[in-house]
Amino acid sequence: MLIIQISDMHVKAPGELYKDKVDTHAFMERAVEHILAFEPSPDIVLASGDLADLGGQREYEALKALLARLDMPVYMIPGNHDNRERMVEIFGDSHAYLPRNGGLLNYTIEDHPLRIIALDSLIDGEVCGIVDADQREWLDAELSKAPDRPTIVMLHHPPVHTGVPWLDTFGLREANELGEVIGRHPQILRVLSGHDHRPIQSLWHGTLAITAPSTAHQFFLTFDPKSPGHWGMEPPACLVHKWFGADNGGLITHTSYIGDYGPHEDF
């Protein structure tokens, strides 16, 4: 099974720029081309939040048109820039897995060799996220239903301490409480997230937590506690997760940079 994870696309409507500087719509077009060119073709795509920049209707309609070019399932969750009600309004007809009860967008996908559990960590109007007590209880119950099935958990906000001071200010609340649930279920192979616009890996409560880079702009790495944080145009990228089977190497994760960085010489 081959999975591509995209994140933090911050898609704007065509002709509009992120912070008047970045054509995130064009970057997302290139990400779609990257996915279409991948060999072998991915089985699924995970989109780990901040799909749109302002959560506007035109942004989601633009993203929907771009994603319509993909012929594999795309499973999405909201980030702090998203509007969950508008997501369901725009994507509900083509993404039947999205809950339509007016609540959080938590769901489980059972259709693939790897089980996917998605958590909605969005707090309306805030940069930080949370997986609250009710969600943790739901997650624990979902994981208990299939203790022998290898599982990926996906949410937008990284649950780990990154060491980047300004990023850690805007992370996941009650992360330790979530970790207690994660640690009870050894079938979890990955906890996947976005939000930090950087590829970051950390062992966490018995599994591997990995943060995806953005398909557009990145946050610069700094451990300076005085830094207010900066973003810029380090290369756009996605994560590629390859499942070889439990007895044949397990789950391997690569970072795949979007763009042509040739020449491509024979080795």
C-alpha atoms as a PDB file:
ATOM      1  CA  MET A   1       0.000   0.000   0.000  1.00  0.00           C
ATOM      2  CA  LEU A   2       1.316   3.427  -0.989  1.00  0.00           C
ATOM      3  CA  ILE A   3       0.120   6.612   0.719  1.00  0.00           C
ATOM      4  CA  ILE A   4       0.975  10.214  -0.103  1.00  0.00           C
ATOM      5  CA  GLN A   5       0.386  12.762   2.640  1.00  0.00           C
ATOM      6  CA  ILE A   6      -0.069  16.401   1.720  1.00  0.00           C
ATOM      7  CA  SER A   7      -0.520  19.139   4.266  1.00  0.00           C
ATOM      8  CA  ASP A   8      -0.901  22.845   4.868  1.00  0.00           C
ATOM      9  CA  MET A   9      -1.781  23.684   1.300  1.00  0.00           C
ATOM     10  CA  HIS A  10      -3.427  26.994   2.321  1.00  0.00           C
ATOM     11  CA  VAL A  11      -5.148  27.034  -1.054  1.00  0.00           C
ATOM     12  CA  LYS A  12      -6.386  30.423  -2.216  1.00  0.00           C
ATOM     13  CA  ALA A  13      -8.832  31.104  -5.002  1.00  0.00           C
ATOM     14  CA  PRO A  14      -7.127  31.443  -8.403  1.00  0.00           C
ATOM     15  CA  GLY A  15      -5.435  34.824  -8.717  1.00  0.00           C
ATOM     16  CA  GLU A  16      -5.177  35.392  -4.962  1.00  0.00           C
ATOM     17  CA  LEU A  17      -1.914  35.136  -3.017  1.00  0.00           C
ATOM     18  CA  TYR A  18      -1.109  33.904   0.478  1.00  0.00           C
ATOM     19  CA  LYS A  19      -0.011  36.989   2.438  1.00  0.00           C
ATOM     20  CA  ASP A  20       0.132  38.773  -0.949  1.00  0.00           C
ATOM     21  CA  LYS A  21       3.258  36.779  -1.790  1.00  0.00           C
ATOM     22  CA  VAL A  22       2.676  33.064  -2.463  1.00  0.00           C
ATOM     23  CA  ASP A  23       0.478  31.518  -5.149  1.00  0.00           C
ATOM     24  CA  THR A  24      -0.610  28.541  -3.077  1.00  0.00           C
ATOM     25  CA  HIS A  25      -3.146  27.555  -5.752  1.00  0.00           C
ATOM     26  CA  ALA A  26      -0.311  27.120  -8.261  1.00  0.00           C
ATOM     27  CA  PHE A  27       1.723  25.191  -5.689  1.00  0.00           C
ATOM     28  CA  MET A  28      -1.232  22.862  -5.161  1.00  0.00           C
ATOM     29  CA  GLU A  29      -1.513  22.354  -8.913  1.00  0.00           C
ATOM     30  CA  ARG A  30       2.113  21.225  -8.900  1.00  0.00           C
ATOM     31  CA  ALA A  31       1.423  18.921  -5.946  1.00  0.00           C
ATOM     32  CA  VAL A  32      -1.400  17.274  -7.887  1.00  0.00           C
ATOM     33  CA  GLU A  33       0.912  16.826 -10.884  1.00  0.00           C
ATOM     34  CA  HIS A  34       3.503  15.298  -8.542  1.00  0.00           C
ATOM     35  CA  ILE A  35       0.972  12.791  -7.233  1.00  0.00           C
ATOM     36  CA  LEU A  36      -0.256  11.931 -10.737  1.00  0.00           C
ATOM     37  CA  ALA A  37       3.308  11.306 -11.912  1.00  0.00           C
ATOM     38  CA  PHE A  38       4.192   9.047  -8.987  1.00  0.00           C
ATOM     39  CA  GLU A  39       5.003   5.432  -9.878  1.00  0.00           C
ATOM     40  CA  PRO A  40       3.394   3.247  -8.814  1.00  0.00           C
ATOM     41  CA  SER A  41       0.263   5.275  -8.373  1.00  0.00           C
ATOM     42  CA  PRO A  42      -0.610   5.934  -4.712  1.00  0.00           C
ATOM     43  CA  ASP A  43      -3.509   3.989  -3.279  1.00  0.00           C
ATOM     44  CA  ILE A  44      -4.743   6.911  -1.188  1.00  0.00           C
ATOM     45  CA  VAL A  45      -3.903  10.519  -0.357  1.00  0.00           C
ATOM     46  CA  LEU A  46      -4.085  11.927   3.165  1.00  0.00           C
ATOM     47  CA  ALA A  47      -4.591  15.684   3.537  1.00  0.00           C
ATOM     48  CA  SER A  48      -3.700  16.641   7.099  1.00  0.00           C
ATOM     49  CA  GLY A  49      -5.318  20.047   7.471  1.00  0.00           C
ATOM     50  CA  ASP A  50      -5.037  23.718   6.599  1.00  0.00           C
ATOM     51  CA  LEU A  51      -6.516  22.791   3.262  1.00  0.00           C
ATOM     52  CA  ALA A  52      -7.654  26.355   2.596  1.00  0.00           C
ATOM     53  CA  ASP A  53      -6.103  29.573   3.825  1.00  0.00           C
ATOM     54  CA  LEU A  54      -9.173  31.350   5.178  1.00  0.00           C
ATOM     55  CA  GLY A  55     -11.761  28.580   5.019  1.00  0.00           C
ATOM     56  CA  GLY A  56     -13.669  30.409   2.288  1.00  0.00           C
ATOM     57  CA  GLN A  57     -16.101  28.905  -0.192  1.00  0.00           C
ATOM     58  CA  ARG A  58     -14.102  29.927  -3.270  1.00  0.00           C
ATOM     59  CA  GLU A  59     -10.962  28.420  -1.758  1.00  0.00           C
ATOM     60  CA  TYR A  60     -12.628  25.059  -1.126  1.00  0.00           C
ATOM     61  CA  GLU A  61     -14.217  25.077  -4.563  1.00  0.00           C
ATOM     62  CA  ALA A  62     -10.783  25.696  -6.092  1.00  0.00           C
ATOM     63  CA  LEU A  63      -9.281  22.866  -4.042  1.00  0.00           C
ATOM     64  CA  LYS A  64     -12.124  20.536  -4.974  1.00  0.00           C
ATOM     65  CA  ALA A  65     -11.480  21.173  -8.664  1.00  0.00           C
ATOM     66  CA  LEU A  66      -7.786  20.402  -8.216  1.00  0.00           C
ATOM     67  CA  LEU A  67      -8.394  17.215  -6.223  1.00  0.00           C
ATOM     68  CA  ALA A  68     -10.947  16.026  -8.801  1.00  0.00           C
ATOM     69  CA  ARG A  69      -8.013  15.221 -11.082  1.00  0.00           C
ATOM     70  CA  LEU A  70      -6.891  12.471  -8.700  1.00  0.00           C
ATOM     71  CA  ASP A  71      -8.330   9.011  -9.256  1.00  0.00           C
ATOM     72  CA  MET A  72      -7.573   7.651  -5.784  1.00  0.00           C
ATOM     73  CA  PRO A  73      -9.422   8.373  -2.514  1.00  0.00           C
ATOM     74  CA  VAL A  74      -8.436  11.547  -0.664  1.00  0.00           C
ATOM     75  CA  TYR A  75      -9.063  11.606   3.087  1.00  0.00           C
ATOM     76  CA  MET A  76      -8.986  15.055   4.663  1.00  0.00           C
ATOM     77  CA  ILE A  77      -9.182  16.651   8.089  1.00  0.00           C
ATOM     78  CA  PRO A  78      -9.501  20.311   9.084  1.00  0.00           C
ATOM     79  CA  GLY A  79      -6.701  22.462  10.446  1.00  0.00           C
ATOM     80  CA  ASN A  80      -6.855  25.741  12.291  1.00  0.00           C
ATOM     81  CA  HIS A  81      -7.234  27.679   9.007  1.00  0.00           C
ATOM     82  CA  ASP A  82     -10.223  25.585   7.946  1.00  0.00           C
ATOM     83  CA  ASN A  83     -13.972  25.828   8.395  1.00  0.00           C
ATOM     84  CA  ARG A  84     -15.388  22.386   9.091  1.00  0.00           C
ATOM     85  CA  GLU A  85     -18.975  23.273   8.175  1.00  0.00           C
ATOM     86  CA  ARG A  86     -17.894  24.681   4.829  1.00  0.00           C
ATOM     87  CA  MET A  87     -15.691  21.640   4.219  1.00  0.00           C
ATOM     88  CA  VAL A  88     -18.703  19.359   4.589  1.00  0.00           C
ATOM     89  CA  GLU A  89     -20.822  21.663   2.434  1.00  0.00           C
ATOM     90  CA  ILE A  90     -18.319  21.674  -0.437  1.00  0.00           C
ATOM     91  CA  PHE A  91     -16.796  18.186  -0.180  1.00  0.00           C
ATOM     92  CA  GLY A  92     -19.623  16.165   1.353  1.00  0.00           C
ATOM     93  CA  ASP A  93     -20.967  14.860  -1.953  1.00  0.00           C
ATOM     94  CA  SER A  94     -17.595  13.513  -3.107  1.00  0.00           C
ATOM     95  CA  HIS A  95     -16.138  12.579   0.297  1.00  0.00           C
ATOM     96  CA  ALA A  96     -18.835  10.409   1.843  1.00  0.00           C
ATOM     97  CA  TYR A  97     -16.678   9.529   4.868  1.00  0.00           C
ATOM     98  CA  LEU A  98     -17.024  13.077   6.267  1.00  0.00           C
ATOM     99  CA  PRO A  99     -19.534  13.103   9.157  1.00  0.00           C
ATOM    100  CA  ARG A 100     -22.669  15.149   8.497  1.00  0.00           C
ATOM    101  CA  ASN A 101     -23.931  15.490  12.068  1.00  0.00           C
ATOM    102  CA  GLY A 102     -22.769  19.087  12.456  1.00  0.00           C
ATOM    103  CA  GLY A 103     -20.053  18.075  14.894  1.00  0.00           C
ATOM    104  CA  LEU A 104     -16.369  17.254  14.766  1.00  0.00           C
ATOM    105  CA  LEU A 105     -14.919  15.533  11.710  1.00  0.00           C
ATOM    106  CA  ASN A 106     -13.645  12.353  13.350  1.00  0.00           C
ATOM    107  CA  TYR A 107     -13.891   9.174  11.280  1.00  0.00           C
ATOM    108  CA  THR A 108     -12.403   5.736  10.638  1.00  0.00           C
ATOM    109  CA  ILE A 109     -11.532   4.228   7.253  1.00  0.00           C
ATOM    110  CA  GLU A 110     -11.612   0.422   7.099  1.00  0.00           C
ATOM    111  CA  ASP A 111     -11.188  -0.100   3.348  1.00  0.00           C
ATOM    112  CA  HIS A 112      -7.409  -0.552   3.065  1.00  0.00           C
ATOM    113  CA  PRO A 113      -4.604  -2.759   4.419  1.00  0.00           C
ATOM    114  CA  LEU A 114      -3.829   0.013   6.904  1.00  0.00           C
ATOM    115  CA  ARG A 115      -6.662   1.281   9.077  1.00  0.00           C
ATOM    116  CA  ILE A 116      -6.961   5.092   9.108  1.00  0.00           C
ATOM    117  CA  ILE A 117      -8.386   6.974  12.099  1.00  0.00           C
ATOM    118  CA  ALA A 118      -8.802  10.723  11.616  1.00  0.00           C
ATOM    119  CA  LEU A 119      -9.112  13.201  14.479  1.00  0.00           C
ATOM    120  CA  ASP A 120     -10.454  16.742  14.229  1.00  0.00           C
ATOM    121  CA  SER A 121      -8.194  18.948  16.398  1.00  0.00           C
ATOM    122  CA  LEU A 122      -9.614  22.300  15.262  1.00  0.00           C
ATOM    123  CA  ILE A 123     -10.612  24.847  17.914  1.00  0.00           C
ATOM    124  CA  ASP A 124     -12.649  27.547  16.180  1.00  0.00           C
ATOM    125  CA  GLY A 125     -10.855  30.887  16.235  1.00  0.00           C
ATOM    126  CA  GLU A 126      -7.609  29.562  17.730  1.00  0.00           C
ATOM    127  CA  VAL A 127      -4.234  28.504  16.351  1.00  0.00           C
ATOM    128  CA  CYS A 128      -3.795  25.779  18.981  1.00  0.00           C
ATOM    129  CA  GLY A 129      -5.638  22.494  18.720  1.00  0.00           C
ATOM    130  CA  ILE A 130      -7.091  19.874  21.027  1.00  0.00           C
ATOM    131  CA  VAL A 131      -8.286  16.282  21.018  1.00  0.00           C
ATOM    132  CA  ASP A 132     -10.660  16.550  23.946  1.00  0.00           C
ATOM    133  CA  ALA A 133     -11.798  13.949  26.471  1.00  0.00           C
ATOM    134  CA  ASP A 134     -14.824  12.859  24.422  1.00  0.00           C
ATOM    135  CA  GLN A 135     -12.667  12.422  21.332  1.00  0.00           C
ATOM    136  CA  ARG A 136     -10.075  10.475  23.294  1.00  0.00           C
ATOM    137  CA  GLU A 137     -12.793   8.157  24.590  1.00  0.00           C
ATOM    138  CA  TRP A 138     -14.042   7.672  21.017  1.00  0.00           C
ATOM    139  CA  LEU A 139     -10.491   7.012  19.789  1.00  0.00           C
ATOM    140  CA  ASP A 140      -9.866   4.461  22.538  1.00  0.00           C
ATOM    141  CA  ALA A 141     -13.059   2.635  21.585  1.00  0.00           C
ATOM    142  CA  GLU A 142     -12.227   2.687  17.866  1.00  0.00           C
ATOM    143  CA  LEU A 143      -8.744   1.327  18.484  1.00  0.00           C
ATOM    144  CA  SER A 144     -10.127  -1.384  20.765  1.00  0.00           C
ATOM    145  CA  LYS A 145     -12.362  -2.676  17.963  1.00  0.00           C
ATOM    146  CA  ALA A 146      -9.391  -3.864  15.878  1.00  0.00           C
ATOM    147  CA  PRO A 147      -6.325  -4.428  18.085  1.00  0.00           C
ATOM    148  CA  ASP A 148      -4.624  -6.601  15.467  1.00  0.00           C
ATOM    149  CA  ARG A 149      -5.003  -4.255  12.497  1.00  0.00           C
ATOM    150  CA  PRO A 150      -2.057  -1.952  11.722  1.00  0.00           C
ATOM    151  CA  THR A 151      -3.331   1.600  12.096  1.00  0.00           C
ATOM    152  CA  ILE A 152      -2.452   5.183  11.227  1.00  0.00           C
ATOM    153  CA  VAL A 153      -3.846   8.021  13.333  1.00  0.00           C
ATOM    154  CA  MET A 154      -4.040  11.418  11.602  1.00  0.00           C
ATOM    155  CA  LEU A 155      -4.671  14.867  13.071  1.00  0.00           C
ATOM    156  CA  HIS A 156      -3.606  18.387  12.140  1.00  0.00           C
ATOM    157  CA  HIS A 157      -1.767  19.569  15.253  1.00  0.00           C
ATOM    158  CA  PRO A 158       1.435  17.686  16.153  1.00  0.00           C
ATOM    159  CA  PRO A 159       1.185  16.126  19.614  1.00  0.00           C
ATOM    160  CA  VAL A 160       4.950  16.274  20.195  1.00  0.00           C
ATOM    161  CA  HIS A 161       7.353  18.861  21.561  1.00  0.00           C
ATOM    162  CA  THR A 162       9.325  20.017  18.496  1.00  0.00           C
ATOM    163  CA  GLY A 163      11.966  22.095  20.256  1.00  0.00           C
ATOM    164  CA  VAL A 164      11.104  25.067  18.036  1.00  0.00           C
ATOM    165  CA  PRO A 165       9.939  27.521  20.715  1.00  0.00           C
ATOM    166  CA  TRP A 166       7.463  29.589  18.731  1.00  0.00           C
ATOM    167  CA  LEU A 167       5.892  26.511  17.134  1.00  0.00           C
ATOM    168  CA  ASP A 168       5.474  24.772  20.470  1.00  0.00           C
ATOM    169  CA  THR A 169       3.475  27.780  21.669  1.00  0.00           C
ATOM    170  CA  PHE A 170       0.748  26.882  19.154  1.00  0.00           C
ATOM    171  CA  GLY A 171       0.666  23.102  19.462  1.00  0.00           C
ATOM    172  CA  LEU A 172      -1.804  20.525  20.727  1.00  0.00           C
ATOM    173  CA  ARG A 173      -3.412  20.999  24.122  1.00  0.00           C
ATOM    174  CA  GLU A 174      -3.812  17.924  26.342  1.00  0.00           C
ATOM    175  CA  ALA A 175      -1.231  16.094  24.244  1.00  0.00           C
ATOM    176  CA  ASN A 176      -0.105  13.939  27.171  1.00  0.00           C
ATOM    177  CA  GLU A 177      -3.660  12.750  27.725  1.00  0.00           C
ATOM    178  CA  LEU A 178      -3.880  11.799  24.056  1.00  0.00           C
ATOM    179  CA  GLY A 179      -0.537  10.039  24.378  1.00  0.00           C
ATOM    180  CA  GLU A 180      -1.897   7.879  27.184  1.00  0.00           C
ATOM    181  CA  VAL A 181      -4.551   6.563  24.802  1.00  0.00           C
ATOM    182  CA  ILE A 182      -2.057   6.072  21.979  1.00  0.00           C
ATOM    183  CA  GLY A 183       0.306   4.182  24.272  1.00  0.00           C
ATOM    184  CA  ARG A 184      -2.351   1.594  25.116  1.00  0.00           C
ATOM    185  CA  HIS A 185      -2.635   0.468  21.488  1.00  0.00           C
ATOM    186  CA  PRO A 186       0.547  -1.001  19.979  1.00  0.00           C
ATOM    187  CA  GLN A 187      -1.087  -1.493  16.569  1.00  0.00           C
ATOM    188  CA  ILE A 188      -0.583   2.231  15.868  1.00  0.00           C
ATOM    189  CA  LEU A 189       2.288   2.506  13.386  1.00  0.00           C
ATOM    190  CA  ARG A 190       2.212   6.277  12.876  1.00  0.00           C
ATOM    191  CA  VAL A 191       0.651   9.416  14.272  1.00  0.00           C
ATOM    192  CA  LEU A 192       0.618  11.786  11.289  1.00  0.00           C
ATOM    193  CA  SER A 193       0.117  15.537  11.471  1.00  0.00           C
ATOM    194  CA  GLY A 194       0.822  18.844   9.748  1.00  0.00           C
ATOM    195  CA  HIS A 195       0.616  22.427  11.079  1.00  0.00           C
ATOM    196  CA  ASP A 196       4.362  23.002  11.541  1.00  0.00           C
ATOM    197  CA  HIS A 197       5.288  23.222   7.835  1.00  0.00           C
ATOM    198  CA  ARG A 198       8.367  21.052   8.415  1.00  0.00           C
ATOM    199  CA  PRO A 199       9.220  17.340   8.266  1.00  0.00           C
ATOM    200  CA  ILE A 200       9.662  16.385  11.931  1.00  0.00           C
ATOM    201  CA  GLN A 201       9.922  12.901  13.458  1.00  0.00           C
ATOM    202  CA  SER A 202       9.741  11.830  17.095  1.00  0.00           C
ATOM    203  CA  LEU A 203       9.219   8.640  19.051  1.00  0.00           C
ATOM    204  CA  TRP A 204       6.072   9.241  21.069  1.00  0.00           C
ATOM    205  CA  HIS A 205       4.186   6.902  23.401  1.00  0.00           C
ATOM    206  CA  GLY A 206       5.403   3.765  21.669  1.00  0.00           C
ATOM    207  CA  THR A 207       4.921   4.872  18.087  1.00  0.00           C
ATOM    208  CA  LEU A 208       6.426   7.286  15.564  1.00  0.00           C
ATOM    209  CA  ALA A 209       4.902  10.755  15.277  1.00  0.00           C
ATOM    210  CA  ILE A 210       5.672  12.489  11.979  1.00  0.00           C
ATOM    211  CA  THR A 211       4.824  16.014  10.870  1.00  0.00           C
ATOM    212  CA  ALA A 212       4.470  16.742   7.162  1.00  0.00           C
ATOM    213  CA  PRO A 213       5.954  19.730   5.331  1.00  0.00           C
ATOM    214  CA  SER A 214       3.749  22.092   3.360  1.00  0.00           C
ATOM    215  CA  THR A 215       3.028  21.762  -0.346  1.00  0.00           C
ATOM    216  CA  ALA A 216       3.843  25.491  -0.540  1.00  0.00           C
ATOM    217  CA  HIS A 217       5.826  27.529   2.021  1.00  0.00           C
ATOM    218  CA  GLN A 218       7.800  26.231   5.005  1.00  0.00           C
ATOM    219  CA  PHE A 219       8.581  27.465   8.511  1.00  0.00           C
ATOM    220  CA  PHE A 220      12.305  27.969   9.075  1.00  0.00           C
ATOM    221  CA  LEU A 221      14.050  25.846  11.678  1.00  0.00           C
ATOM    222  CA  THR A 222      15.238  27.702  14.768  1.00  0.00           C
ATOM    223  CA  PHE A 223      15.849  26.784  18.389  1.00  0.00           C
ATOM    224  CA  ASP A 224      16.235  30.440  19.390  1.00  0.00           C
ATOM    225  CA  PRO A 225      13.678  31.193  22.145  1.00  0.00           C
ATOM    226  CA  LYS A 226      13.697  34.862  21.124  1.00  0.00           C
ATOM    227  CA  SER A 227      12.755  34.190  17.508  1.00  0.00           C
ATOM    228  CA  PRO A 228       9.223  35.276  16.547  1.00  0.00           C
ATOM    229  CA  GLY A 229       9.232  32.639  13.796  1.00  0.00           C
ATOM    230  CA  HIS A 230       9.702  33.066  10.070  1.00  0.00           C
ATOM    231  CA  TRP A 231       8.418  31.418   6.940  1.00  0.00           C
ATOM    232  CA  GLY A 232       9.930  31.221   3.486  1.00  0.00           C
ATOM    233  CA  MET A 233      10.283  29.261   0.305  1.00  0.00           C
ATOM    234  CA  GLU A 234      12.211  26.163   1.229  1.00  0.00           C
ATOM    235  CA  PRO A 235      11.171  23.464  -1.270  1.00  0.00           C
ATOM    236  CA  PRO A 236       7.577  22.246  -1.158  1.00  0.00           C
ATOM    237  CA  ALA A 237       7.206  18.590  -0.271  1.00  0.00           C
ATOM    238  CA  CYS A 238       4.926  15.759   0.744  1.00  0.00           C
ATOM    239  CA  LEU A 239       5.391  12.560   2.721  1.00  0.00           C
ATOM    240  CA  VAL A 240       5.277   9.117   1.149  1.00  0.00           C
ATOM    241  CA  HIS A 241       4.330   6.196   3.394  1.00  0.00           C
ATOM    242  CA  LYS A 242       4.936   2.719   1.960  1.00  0.00           C
ATOM    243  CA  TRP A 243       3.438  -0.309   3.678  1.00  0.00           C
ATOM    244  CA  PHE A 244       5.314  -3.506   2.848  1.00  0.00           C
ATOM    245  CA  GLY A 245       3.375  -5.720   5.245  1.00  0.00           C
ATOM    246  CA  ALA A 246       4.050  -6.690   8.833  1.00  0.00           C
ATOM    247  CA  ASP A 247       6.473  -9.455   7.844  1.00  0.00           C
ATOM    248  CA  ASN A 248       8.240  -7.613   5.027  1.00  0.00           C
ATOM    249  CA  GLY A 249       9.600  -4.351   6.402  1.00  0.00           C
ATOM    250  CA  GLY A 250       6.519  -2.722   7.869  1.00  0.00           C
ATOM    251  CA  LEU A 251       5.839   0.961   7.191  1.00  0.00           C
ATOM    252  CA  ILE A 252       8.555   3.201   5.720  1.00  0.00           C
ATOM    253  CA  THR A 253       8.222   6.983   5.374  1.00  0.00           C
ATOM    254  CA  HIS A 254      10.048   9.218   2.878  1.00  0.00           C
ATOM    255  CA  THR A 255      10.002  12.950   2.196  1.00  0.00           C
ATOM    256  CA  SER A 256       9.330  13.662  -1.487  1.00  0.00           C
ATOM    257  CA  TYR A 257      10.167  17.142  -2.778  1.00  0.00           C
ATOM    258  CA  ILE A 258       7.755  18.635  -5.288  1.00  0.00           C
ATOM    259  CA  GLY A 259       9.511  19.991  -8.370  1.00  0.00           C
ATOM    260  CA  ASP A 260      12.203  19.108 -10.874  1.00  0.00           C
ATOM    261  CA  TYR A 261      15.603  19.132  -9.202  1.00  0.00           C
ATOM    262  CA  GLY A 262      17.522  17.695 -12.154  1.00  0.00           C
ATOM    263  CA  PRO A 263      19.613  16.814 -13.971  1.00  0.00           C
ATOM    264  CA  HIS A 264      18.585  13.206 -13.391  1.00  0.00           C
ATOM    265  CA  GLU A 265      21.768  11.292 -14.093  1.00  0.00           C
ATOM    266  CA  ASP A 266      22.053   7.498 -14.124  1.00  0.00           C
ATOM    267  CA  PHE A 267      23.835   6.170 -11.048  1.00  0.00           C
END
